[in-house]
Amino acid sequence: MSVDLQNPEYRTYLKEWQMIEDCCEGQRAIKQANTKYLPPMEGVSQVDTRYINYLERAVFVNFTGKTKEGLAGAIFRNEPECILPSEVEYLKDNSDGAGESLTSLAKDVAGEVIGKGRHCLLVDYPEVESGLSLEEFDRLSPKATINRYTAENFINWRVEVINGQKILTLAVLCEEYDADEDEFGYEPQKQYRVLRLRKGVYTQQVYRDDENITKEYTPTKADGTTFDFIPLFIIGSENNDTTVDVPPLGDIAYINIAHFRNSADLEENCFVHGQLTLGVSSTMSLSQFQEANPNGITVGSMAGHFLGDSGGFSVVQASENQLADKLMARKEEQMRKLGARMIEIGAAKTATQSLIEQAGETSILTTIADNVSEGIKTCIEWCGMFMGADEESTFILNTKFFDDVADPQMLMAAMQLNEGNLIAKSDMQELARQQGIVKDGRSNEDIDAELAAEMAKIPEEPEIEPELDEEDQESLTSQDESDI
């Protein structure tokens, strides 16, 4: 079989992924697709002038792309929490070997998962020739990298049950390379990176035109041992496994395309029927009419015309038709609701209801943020296996998409409990953190240390002796004399 064979699940979702990608790119990509998203009218081909004008007048409003940007922006309204071992500290500024920071990579991954519900990360290490001296190895300074592959690039996979666990044993990734040897030319061609797990050992090989161009390579860890798994992490919008999840923006993209078609019909109707159509009636013959009006008929108040006996004008213009507008407005409302459902947890509830349901409720966007966090954290640890890192890493994306609104009654009650020695100071600090008064990441020790430093800067006020009136002064003087 050919190396470019596609998994059945891949074929099922490919067109939908491509549609979402085109919608996110906007009007340029949609119109370049021509009849793919805007079929021609009956009896008209895509090369006819009428269809070209029909496509040109249509307006694509990028609801899909703006929804994706807004949802991704909600995740990254706060910087990710990132703690890396020293051996892989370089990933913060250069995660993929091409200068993309870890935060930038996370933004790209989150956007892809929000749109298509699937993205892959391959942890790789450059193949180094054997027999290099220590100086040569240090000069090359090879480093493990995290490489991104979109849902469209991950074309085939196989999962087997080994020792009671589902293990990824085959993954085929489609890549693009420049086949033009001229320094000014560019000829993109496809190649396929095949990842295998043979008898518990991970190997890698590259194919072009159904022929392998590299030998089967076995990557090793820092201690020289081989990997017993494929270091490819599949991130989904529901679960991080090989099963393809339903694209979160799929429904919005479908409605967005339908909205685009309504726009094309509305603009075409307005162009054809919205302009004034003039009719002239007259008892004059055609030659008499042409002689009386040598320049023809000009519409407007700046020209006069002779129509003869019983002559007259009549005009026809299409009346307002709100059907297309209503259809577009309805689709716009549907898209807004679909986008909101991805981020909302539920309808407004009482405080008691919220506490009861909090453990079981989550939004689609929260799940995506957690899945991306897990994927990147795991890839950082895999990089550590290549680079010899032993310490654990931390990478957590923000899941607080809105500012917390502090409850003043709750805060006042907590202050009274604290003053009555019923709750501790640390309980007050934790409540302030939950209410958004204290920023995440600030520990109680940090708060106490900052308060102590501020108190140390405040100078002590000197004691001020009270002023005495004349009687008190005389009494104090008499007392002093008697003491003497």
Protein backbone atom coordinates (compact mmCIF):
# COMPACT_ATOMS: atom_id res chain seq x y z
CA MET A 1 0.00 0.00 0.00
CA SER A 2 1.01 3.61 -0.54
CA VAL A 3 2.47 5.71 2.26
CA ASP A 4 -0.10 8.45 1.59
CA LEU A 5 -3.03 6.16 2.48
CA GLN A 6 -5.53 8.06 4.64
CA ASN A 7 -7.25 6.84 7.79
CA PRO A 8 -11.08 6.48 7.37
CA GLU A 9 -11.72 8.97 10.21
CA TYR A 10 -9.36 11.41 8.51
CA ARG A 11 -11.31 11.20 5.24
CA THR A 12 -14.58 11.77 7.11
CA TYR A 13 -13.50 15.09 8.60
CA LEU A 14 -11.04 16.43 5.99
CA LYS A 15 -13.52 18.61 4.04
CA GLU A 16 -14.91 20.07 7.25
CA TRP A 17 -11.40 20.94 8.50
CA GLN A 18 -10.62 22.63 5.17
CA MET A 19 -13.88 24.59 5.29
CA ILE A 20 -13.14 25.81 8.83
CA GLU A 21 -9.62 26.80 7.76
CA ASP A 22 -10.95 28.77 4.77
CA CYS A 23 -13.59 30.48 6.91
CA CYS A 24 -10.98 31.50 9.48
CA GLU A 25 -8.75 32.93 6.73
CA GLY A 26 -11.66 35.08 5.57
CA GLN A 27 -13.14 36.44 2.37
CA ARG A 28 -10.03 35.98 0.24
CA ALA A 29 -9.88 32.22 0.80
CA ILE A 30 -13.65 31.79 0.44
CA LYS A 31 -13.82 33.60 -2.89
CA GLN A 32 -10.72 31.88 -4.24
CA ALA A 33 -12.57 28.57 -3.80
CA ASN A 34 -15.16 29.79 -6.37
CA THR A 35 -17.97 27.23 -6.79
CA LYS A 36 -16.86 25.18 -3.77
CA TYR A 37 -18.78 27.49 -1.43
CA LEU A 38 -20.93 29.51 -3.89
CA PRO A 39 -22.54 27.34 -6.59
CA PRO A 40 -23.39 29.13 -9.88
CA MET A 41 -26.95 29.84 -10.97
CA GLU A 42 -28.80 27.39 -13.19
CA GLY A 43 -27.43 27.42 -16.72
CA VAL A 44 -24.41 29.60 -15.78
CA SER A 45 -20.83 28.31 -15.60
CA GLN A 46 -18.12 29.60 -13.30
CA VAL A 47 -16.32 31.33 -16.19
CA ASP A 48 -19.39 33.34 -17.26
CA THR A 49 -19.26 37.06 -16.55
CA ARG A 50 -22.54 36.86 -14.64
CA TYR A 51 -21.16 34.31 -12.16
CA ILE A 52 -17.90 36.25 -11.79
CA ASN A 53 -19.89 39.39 -10.91
CA TYR A 54 -22.21 37.33 -8.69
CA LEU A 55 -19.19 36.09 -6.71
CA GLU A 56 -17.54 39.51 -6.65
CA ARG A 57 -20.60 41.28 -5.19
CA ALA A 58 -21.10 38.69 -2.41
CA VAL A 59 -19.83 39.64 1.04
CA PHE A 60 -18.32 37.13 3.46
CA VAL A 61 -18.45 38.33 7.07
CA ASN A 62 -15.83 36.39 9.03
CA PHE A 63 -17.84 35.26 12.05
CA THR A 64 -15.87 32.00 12.26
CA GLY A 65 -12.44 33.61 12.39
CA LYS A 66 -13.52 36.29 14.86
CA THR A 67 -15.06 33.66 17.13
CA LYS A 68 -11.81 31.70 17.07
CA GLU A 69 -9.77 34.83 17.87
CA GLY A 70 -12.10 35.83 20.69
CA LEU A 71 -12.07 32.41 22.34
CA ALA A 72 -8.29 32.09 22.05
CA GLY A 73 -7.95 35.59 23.47
CA ALA A 74 -10.03 34.57 26.49
CA ILE A 75 -7.54 31.78 27.26
CA PHE A 76 -4.51 34.04 26.89
CA ARG A 77 -5.89 37.06 28.72
CA ASN A 78 -3.45 35.91 31.41
CA GLU A 79 0.02 34.54 30.74
CA PRO A 80 0.44 30.75 31.12
CA GLU A 81 2.06 29.48 34.29
CA CYS A 82 5.37 28.02 33.08
CA ILE A 83 8.20 26.47 35.16
CA LEU A 84 10.88 24.55 33.25
CA PRO A 85 13.97 22.58 34.31
CA SER A 86 17.25 24.27 33.40
CA GLU A 87 18.01 21.63 30.73
CA VAL A 88 14.94 22.68 28.69
CA GLU A 89 14.79 26.34 29.69
CA TYR A 90 15.54 27.24 26.06
CA LEU A 91 12.02 26.11 25.08
CA LYS A 92 10.58 29.35 26.48
CA ASP A 93 12.18 31.34 23.66
CA ASN A 94 12.70 28.66 21.02
CA SER A 95 10.33 25.72 21.27
CA ASP A 96 10.36 24.51 17.66
CA GLY A 97 13.95 25.23 16.64
CA ALA A 98 12.80 28.10 14.42
CA GLY A 99 12.48 30.77 17.10
CA GLU A 100 8.83 30.36 18.15
CA SER A 101 8.35 30.89 21.87
CA LEU A 102 6.48 28.37 24.00
CA THR A 103 3.64 30.84 24.61
CA SER A 104 3.33 31.54 20.89
CA LEU A 105 3.26 27.81 20.18
CA ALA A 106 0.53 27.38 22.80
CA LYS A 107 -1.54 30.13 21.13
CA ASP A 108 -1.25 28.43 17.74
CA VAL A 109 -2.17 25.04 19.18
CA ALA A 110 -5.15 26.41 21.13
CA GLY A 111 -6.45 28.20 18.03
CA GLU A 112 -6.24 25.00 15.96
CA VAL A 113 -8.02 22.93 18.62
CA ILE A 114 -10.72 25.59 19.03
CA GLY A 115 -11.31 25.55 15.29
CA LYS A 116 -10.87 21.93 14.23
CA GLY A 117 -10.82 20.02 17.50
CA ARG A 118 -7.48 18.34 16.77
CA HIS A 119 -3.75 19.11 16.69
CA CYS A 120 -0.56 17.08 17.05
CA LEU A 121 2.78 17.80 18.69
CA LEU A 122 5.86 15.72 17.84
CA VAL A 123 8.89 15.91 20.11
CA ASP A 124 11.94 15.35 17.95
CA TYR A 125 15.71 15.41 18.26
CA PRO A 126 18.08 15.99 15.33
CA GLU A 127 19.91 12.91 14.16
CA VAL A 128 23.59 13.30 15.10
CA GLU A 129 26.38 11.41 13.39
CA SER A 130 28.03 8.78 15.53
CA GLY A 131 31.70 9.12 16.44
CA LEU A 132 31.66 12.90 17.01
CA SER A 133 34.13 14.26 19.54
CA LEU A 134 32.85 16.11 22.60
CA GLU A 135 33.99 19.44 21.13
CA GLU A 136 32.17 18.79 17.84
CA PHE A 137 29.01 17.77 19.70
CA ASP A 138 29.11 20.92 21.85
CA ARG A 139 29.60 23.04 18.74
CA LEU A 140 26.53 21.53 17.07
CA SER A 141 24.58 21.87 20.34
CA PRO A 142 21.57 19.75 19.23
CA LYS A 143 18.35 20.34 21.15
CA ALA A 144 14.98 18.63 21.34
CA THR A 145 12.13 20.55 19.72
CA ILE A 146 8.31 20.53 19.75
CA ASN A 147 6.95 20.42 16.18
CA ARG A 148 3.33 21.21 15.29
CA TYR A 149 1.19 19.22 12.84
CA THR A 150 -2.33 20.30 11.93
CA ALA A 151 -5.27 17.92 11.70
CA GLU A 152 -4.84 17.88 7.90
CA ASN A 153 -1.17 16.86 8.23
CA PHE A 154 -1.83 13.83 10.46
CA ILE A 155 -3.17 11.57 7.71
CA ASN A 156 -2.92 8.03 9.10
CA TRP A 157 -2.50 6.19 12.38
CA ARG A 158 -2.87 2.78 13.97
CA VAL A 159 -3.61 1.85 17.57
CA GLU A 160 -2.97 -1.59 19.08
CA VAL A 161 -3.78 -3.07 22.47
CA ILE A 162 -0.52 -4.03 24.20
CA ASN A 163 -0.59 -5.40 27.75
CA GLY A 164 -4.15 -4.20 28.16
CA GLN A 165 -3.40 -0.63 26.99
CA LYS A 166 -4.18 1.15 23.73
CA ILE A 167 -0.83 2.19 22.27
CA LEU A 168 -0.14 4.28 19.16
CA THR A 169 2.03 2.03 16.96
CA LEU A 170 1.95 3.95 13.64
CA ALA A 171 1.65 7.62 12.72
CA VAL A 172 2.07 9.14 9.24
CA LEU A 173 2.67 12.91 9.07
CA CYS A 174 2.50 14.89 5.82
CA GLU A 175 5.17 17.59 5.46
CA GLU A 176 6.09 20.12 2.78
CA TYR A 177 9.55 20.75 1.36
CA ASP A 178 11.03 22.90 -1.41
CA ALA A 179 11.95 20.80 -4.46
CA ASP A 180 13.34 23.75 -6.45
CA GLU A 181 17.13 23.89 -6.28
CA ASP A 182 17.19 27.47 -7.59
CA GLU A 183 17.78 29.94 -4.73
CA PHE A 184 15.03 32.26 -6.03
CA GLY A 185 12.48 29.61 -6.94
CA TYR A 186 10.03 27.69 -4.81
CA GLU A 187 8.35 24.40 -5.71
CA PRO A 188 6.44 22.90 -2.76
CA GLN A 189 6.29 19.11 -2.67
CA LYS A 190 5.00 16.60 -0.13
CA GLN A 191 6.95 14.14 1.95
CA TYR A 192 5.77 11.76 4.66
CA ARG A 193 7.34 11.20 8.05
CA VAL A 194 6.50 7.69 9.29
CA LEU A 195 6.67 7.04 13.04
CA ARG A 196 6.63 3.39 14.08
CA LEU A 197 6.71 1.37 17.28
CA ARG A 198 8.40 -1.92 16.38
CA LYS A 199 8.68 -4.50 19.16
CA GLY A 200 8.54 -1.76 21.76
CA VAL A 201 11.14 0.47 20.05
CA TYR A 202 10.30 3.85 18.47
CA THR A 203 11.70 4.51 14.97
CA GLN A 204 11.31 7.22 12.35
CA GLN A 205 11.64 7.30 8.55
CA VAL A 206 10.94 9.79 5.72
CA TYR A 207 9.29 8.91 2.38
CA ARG A 208 8.98 10.79 -0.91
CA ASP A 209 7.04 9.48 -3.91
CA ASP A 210 6.37 6.21 -2.08
CA GLU A 211 10.08 5.59 -1.64
CA ASN A 212 12.02 5.92 1.60
CA ILE A 213 14.74 8.57 1.33
CA THR A 214 16.17 7.97 4.80
CA LYS A 215 17.04 4.85 6.71
CA GLU A 216 14.89 3.86 9.65
CA TYR A 217 16.28 5.95 12.48
CA THR A 218 15.99 5.08 16.18
CA PRO A 219 16.00 8.18 18.45
CA THR A 220 17.41 7.66 21.93
CA LYS A 221 17.10 9.34 25.30
CA ALA A 222 19.92 11.22 27.01
CA ASP A 223 21.07 8.01 28.72
CA GLY A 224 21.23 6.15 25.38
CA THR A 225 18.11 4.02 25.92
CA THR A 226 15.37 3.84 23.27
CA PHE A 227 11.80 5.09 23.56
CA ASP A 228 9.09 2.49 24.18
CA PHE A 229 6.41 4.86 22.85
CA ILE A 230 5.96 7.33 19.97
CA PRO A 231 6.51 10.88 21.36
CA LEU A 232 3.53 12.26 19.43
CA PHE A 233 0.86 13.94 21.54
CA ILE A 234 -2.62 14.23 19.99
CA ILE A 235 -4.63 17.10 21.47
CA GLY A 236 -8.40 17.08 21.04
CA SER A 237 -11.29 19.34 22.00
CA GLU A 238 -12.85 16.54 24.07
CA ASN A 239 -10.16 13.95 24.80
CA ASN A 240 -6.45 13.66 24.11
CA ASP A 241 -6.53 10.41 22.14
CA THR A 242 -6.44 9.19 18.55
CA THR A 243 -10.23 9.45 18.11
CA VAL A 244 -11.19 12.47 16.02
CA ASP A 245 -13.34 14.92 18.00
CA VAL A 246 -16.13 16.95 16.43
CA PRO A 247 -14.71 20.36 15.36
CA PRO A 248 -16.01 23.01 17.82
CA LEU A 249 -16.34 25.68 15.09
CA GLY A 250 -17.85 23.34 12.52
CA ASP A 251 -21.47 24.39 13.05
CA ILE A 252 -20.55 28.09 12.99
CA ALA A 253 -18.59 27.61 9.74
CA TYR A 254 -21.52 25.87 8.03
CA ILE A 255 -23.87 28.70 8.98
CA ASN A 256 -21.22 31.25 7.96
CA ILE A 257 -21.13 29.73 4.45
CA ALA A 258 -24.94 29.78 4.24
CA HIS A 259 -24.86 33.44 5.34
CA PHE A 260 -22.37 34.11 2.53
CA ARG A 261 -24.75 32.55 -0.03
CA ASN A 262 -27.65 34.63 1.26
CA SER A 263 -25.47 37.70 0.84
CA ALA A 264 -24.68 36.73 -2.76
CA ASP A 265 -28.39 36.33 -3.59
CA LEU A 266 -29.29 39.61 -1.87
CA GLU A 267 -26.60 41.59 -3.70
CA GLU A 268 -27.52 39.98 -7.03
CA ASN A 269 -31.20 40.74 -6.53
CA CYS A 270 -30.48 44.35 -5.57
CA PHE A 271 -28.22 44.81 -8.60
CA VAL A 272 -30.67 43.33 -11.11
CA HIS A 273 -34.00 44.52 -9.73
CA GLY A 274 -33.07 47.41 -7.48
CA GLN A 275 -32.28 49.88 -10.28
CA LEU A 276 -34.91 52.02 -11.96
CA THR A 277 -36.44 50.60 -15.19
CA LEU A 278 -37.90 53.24 -17.52
CA GLY A 279 -40.80 52.71 -19.95
CA VAL A 280 -41.94 55.21 -22.64
CA SER A 281 -45.29 55.28 -24.47
CA SER A 282 -46.05 57.48 -27.52
CA THR A 283 -48.19 57.63 -30.69
CA MET A 284 -45.10 58.65 -32.65
CA SER A 285 -43.47 56.24 -35.04
CA LEU A 286 -39.96 55.01 -34.33
CA SER A 287 -38.42 57.36 -36.95
CA GLN A 288 -40.39 60.33 -35.63
CA PHE A 289 -39.34 59.54 -32.08
CA GLN A 290 -35.66 59.25 -33.08
CA GLU A 291 -35.86 62.54 -34.98
CA ALA A 292 -37.45 64.30 -31.99
CA ASN A 293 -34.99 62.77 -29.53
CA PRO A 294 -31.65 62.36 -31.40
CA ASN A 295 -29.73 61.69 -28.17
CA GLY A 296 -32.15 59.08 -26.90
CA ILE A 297 -33.77 59.13 -23.49
CA THR A 298 -31.76 60.32 -20.48
CA VAL A 299 -33.13 59.53 -17.03
CA GLY A 300 -33.09 62.53 -14.69
CA SER A 301 -34.43 66.05 -14.31
CA MET A 302 -31.70 67.73 -16.39
CA ALA A 303 -33.01 66.53 -19.77
CA GLY A 304 -36.22 67.23 -21.71
CA HIS A 305 -37.91 64.86 -24.18
CA PHE A 306 -40.67 65.21 -26.79
CA LEU A 307 -43.07 62.25 -26.72
CA GLY A 308 -45.82 63.52 -29.04
CA ASP A 309 -49.56 63.19 -28.51
CA SER A 310 -50.61 61.01 -25.56
CA GLY A 311 -46.96 60.29 -24.69
CA GLY A 312 -45.90 59.41 -21.18
CA PHE A 313 -43.32 57.85 -18.89
CA SER A 314 -43.69 54.87 -16.60
CA VAL A 315 -41.05 53.53 -14.19
CA VAL A 316 -40.70 50.17 -12.48
CA GLN A 317 -38.50 49.45 -9.47
CA ALA A 318 -38.43 46.43 -7.16
CA SER A 319 -40.09 47.07 -3.82
CA GLU A 320 -38.26 46.36 -0.58
CA ASN A 321 -37.99 42.66 0.18
CA GLN A 322 -36.75 41.76 3.65
CA LEU A 323 -36.66 37.98 3.23
CA ALA A 324 -32.91 37.73 2.50
CA ASP A 325 -32.14 40.25 5.26
CA LYS A 326 -34.18 38.24 7.75
CA LEU A 327 -32.46 35.00 6.75
CA MET A 328 -29.04 36.62 7.23
CA ALA A 329 -30.04 38.16 10.57
CA ARG A 330 -31.31 34.80 11.78
CA LYS A 331 -28.02 33.11 10.85
CA GLU A 332 -26.03 35.85 12.59
CA GLU A 333 -27.98 35.23 15.80
CA GLN A 334 -27.44 31.47 15.49
CA MET A 335 -23.69 31.95 15.12
CA ARG A 336 -23.54 34.25 18.12
CA LYS A 337 -25.35 31.69 20.27
CA LEU A 338 -23.11 28.85 19.13
CA GLY A 339 -19.99 30.88 19.94
CA ALA A 340 -21.32 31.84 23.37
CA ARG A 341 -22.09 28.22 24.26
CA MET A 342 -18.44 27.31 23.87
CA ILE A 343 -17.43 29.57 26.73
CA GLU A 344 -20.47 29.64 29.02
CA ILE A 345 -20.87 27.15 31.85
CA GLY A 346 -24.59 27.54 32.24
CA ALA A 347 -27.49 29.90 32.73
CA ALA A 348 -27.76 32.24 35.70
CA LYS A 349 -28.20 30.26 38.93
CA THR A 350 -28.43 30.99 42.61
CA ALA A 351 -25.29 30.74 44.73
CA THR A 352 -26.49 27.41 46.19
CA GLN A 353 -27.15 25.94 42.74
CA SER A 354 -23.72 27.05 41.54
CA LEU A 355 -21.99 25.38 44.48
CA ILE A 356 -23.92 22.14 43.94
CA GLU A 357 -23.23 22.00 40.18
CA GLN A 358 -19.71 23.45 40.16
CA ALA A 359 -17.98 20.06 40.38
CA GLY A 360 -19.77 18.69 37.32
CA GLU A 361 -19.91 21.74 35.09
CA THR A 362 -17.32 22.82 32.59
CA SER A 363 -17.30 24.72 29.34
CA ILE A 364 -15.91 23.51 26.02
CA LEU A 365 -13.26 26.22 26.18
CA THR A 366 -12.15 25.13 29.65
CA THR A 367 -11.74 21.56 28.40
CA ILE A 368 -9.69 22.77 25.43
CA ALA A 369 -7.42 24.87 27.67
CA ASP A 370 -6.86 21.91 30.00
CA ASN A 371 -6.16 19.55 27.07
CA VAL A 372 -3.62 21.95 25.53
CA SER A 373 -1.94 22.42 28.93
CA GLU A 374 -1.62 18.67 29.35
CA GLY A 375 -0.24 18.23 25.82
CA ILE A 376 2.43 20.92 26.08
CA LYS A 377 3.46 19.85 29.61
CA THR A 378 3.89 16.26 28.41
CA CYS A 379 5.94 17.39 25.41
CA ILE A 380 8.19 19.45 27.69
CA GLU A 381 8.82 16.33 29.77
CA TRP A 382 9.59 14.34 26.61
CA CYS A 383 12.09 17.03 25.62
CA GLY A 384 13.60 16.54 29.06
CA MET A 385 14.11 12.83 28.28
CA PHE A 386 16.18 13.84 25.25
CA MET A 387 18.09 16.53 27.15
CA GLY A 388 18.59 14.66 30.45
CA ALA A 389 16.26 16.67 32.69
CA ASP A 390 15.04 14.99 35.88
CA GLU A 391 12.94 17.75 37.43
CA GLU A 392 9.22 18.08 36.77
CA SER A 393 7.86 20.93 34.68
CA THR A 394 4.73 23.07 34.94
CA PHE A 395 2.67 24.52 32.11
CA ILE A 396 -0.90 25.63 32.84
CA LEU A 397 -3.11 27.80 30.63
CA ASN A 398 -5.58 30.27 32.06
CA THR A 399 -9.14 29.02 32.53
CA LYS A 400 -10.51 32.16 34.17
CA PHE A 401 -12.04 33.80 31.11
CA PHE A 402 -13.80 36.67 32.88
CA ASP A 403 -12.93 39.01 35.74
CA ASP A 404 -14.31 37.85 39.08
CA VAL A 405 -16.88 40.13 40.68
CA ALA A 406 -16.18 40.40 44.39
CA ASP A 407 -19.11 39.81 46.76
CA PRO A 408 -18.98 42.66 49.32
CA GLN A 409 -21.39 40.92 51.73
CA MET A 410 -19.26 37.79 51.78
CA LEU A 411 -16.10 39.83 52.35
CA MET A 412 -17.69 41.78 55.22
CA ALA A 413 -18.92 38.57 56.87
CA ALA A 414 -15.45 37.03 56.54
CA MET A 415 -13.86 40.11 58.16
CA GLN A 416 -16.24 39.79 61.12
CA LEU A 417 -15.41 36.10 61.49
CA ASN A 418 -11.70 36.93 61.41
CA GLU A 419 -12.08 39.66 64.04
CA GLY A 420 -14.03 37.18 66.20
CA ASN A 421 -11.11 34.71 65.92
CA LEU A 422 -13.32 32.17 64.13
CA ILE A 423 -11.27 32.01 60.93
CA ALA A 424 -7.56 32.57 60.33
CA LYS A 425 -5.79 35.26 58.34
CA SER A 426 -4.89 32.65 55.71
CA ASP A 427 -8.61 31.97 55.20
CA MET A 428 -9.14 35.66 54.48
CA GLN A 429 -6.29 35.65 51.98
CA GLU A 430 -7.66 32.58 50.20
CA LEU A 431 -11.11 34.19 49.98
CA ALA A 432 -9.56 37.36 48.55
CA ARG A 433 -7.77 35.21 45.97
CA GLN A 434 -11.01 33.47 44.98
CA GLN A 435 -12.81 36.80 44.66
CA GLY A 436 -10.16 38.17 42.32
CA ILE A 437 -8.80 40.74 44.77
CA VAL A 438 -5.46 38.93 44.99
CA LYS A 439 -3.86 37.90 41.70
CA ASP A 440 -3.25 34.22 41.02
CA GLY A 441 0.30 33.13 41.71
CA ARG A 442 0.77 35.24 44.83
CA SER A 443 1.18 32.97 47.86
CA ASN A 444 0.23 33.92 51.40
CA GLU A 445 3.93 34.14 52.26
CA ASP A 446 4.44 36.67 49.44
CA ILE A 447 1.57 38.79 50.75
CA ASP A 448 2.84 38.68 54.35
CA ALA A 449 6.39 39.57 53.28
CA GLU A 450 5.18 42.52 51.20
CA LEU A 451 3.01 43.81 54.06
CA ALA A 452 5.95 43.52 56.51
CA ALA A 453 8.19 45.44 54.09
CA GLU A 454 5.60 48.20 53.70
CA MET A 455 5.12 48.50 57.47
CA ALA A 456 8.89 48.77 57.99
CA LYS A 457 9.00 51.80 55.68
CA ILE A 458 6.40 53.76 57.73
CA PRO A 459 8.23 56.05 60.25
CA GLU A 460 7.05 56.04 63.84
CA GLU A 461 5.15 59.21 64.82
CA PRO A 462 6.69 61.12 67.81
CA GLU A 463 4.60 61.42 70.95
CA ILE A 464 2.93 64.83 71.26
CA GLU A 465 2.55 66.12 74.84
CA PRO A 466 -0.88 67.63 75.51
CA GLU A 467 -1.03 71.38 75.89
CA LEU A 468 -1.78 72.63 79.47
CA ASP A 469 -3.98 75.59 80.33
CA GLU A 470 -2.86 78.28 82.88
CA GLU A 471 -4.49 76.60 85.92
CA ASP A 472 -2.91 73.23 85.15
CA GLN A 473 0.45 74.90 84.57
CA GLU A 474 0.28 76.78 87.96
CA SER A 475 -0.78 73.56 89.73
CA LEU A 476 2.10 71.61 88.13
CA THR A 477 4.58 74.39 89.16
CA SER A 478 3.30 74.38 92.81
CA GLN A 479 3.60 70.60 92.90
CA ASP A 480 7.20 70.81 91.70
CA GLU A 481 8.08 73.45 94.39
CA SER A 482 6.53 71.37 97.18
CA ASP A 483 8.50 68.36 96.03
CA ILE A 484 11.67 70.39 96.34
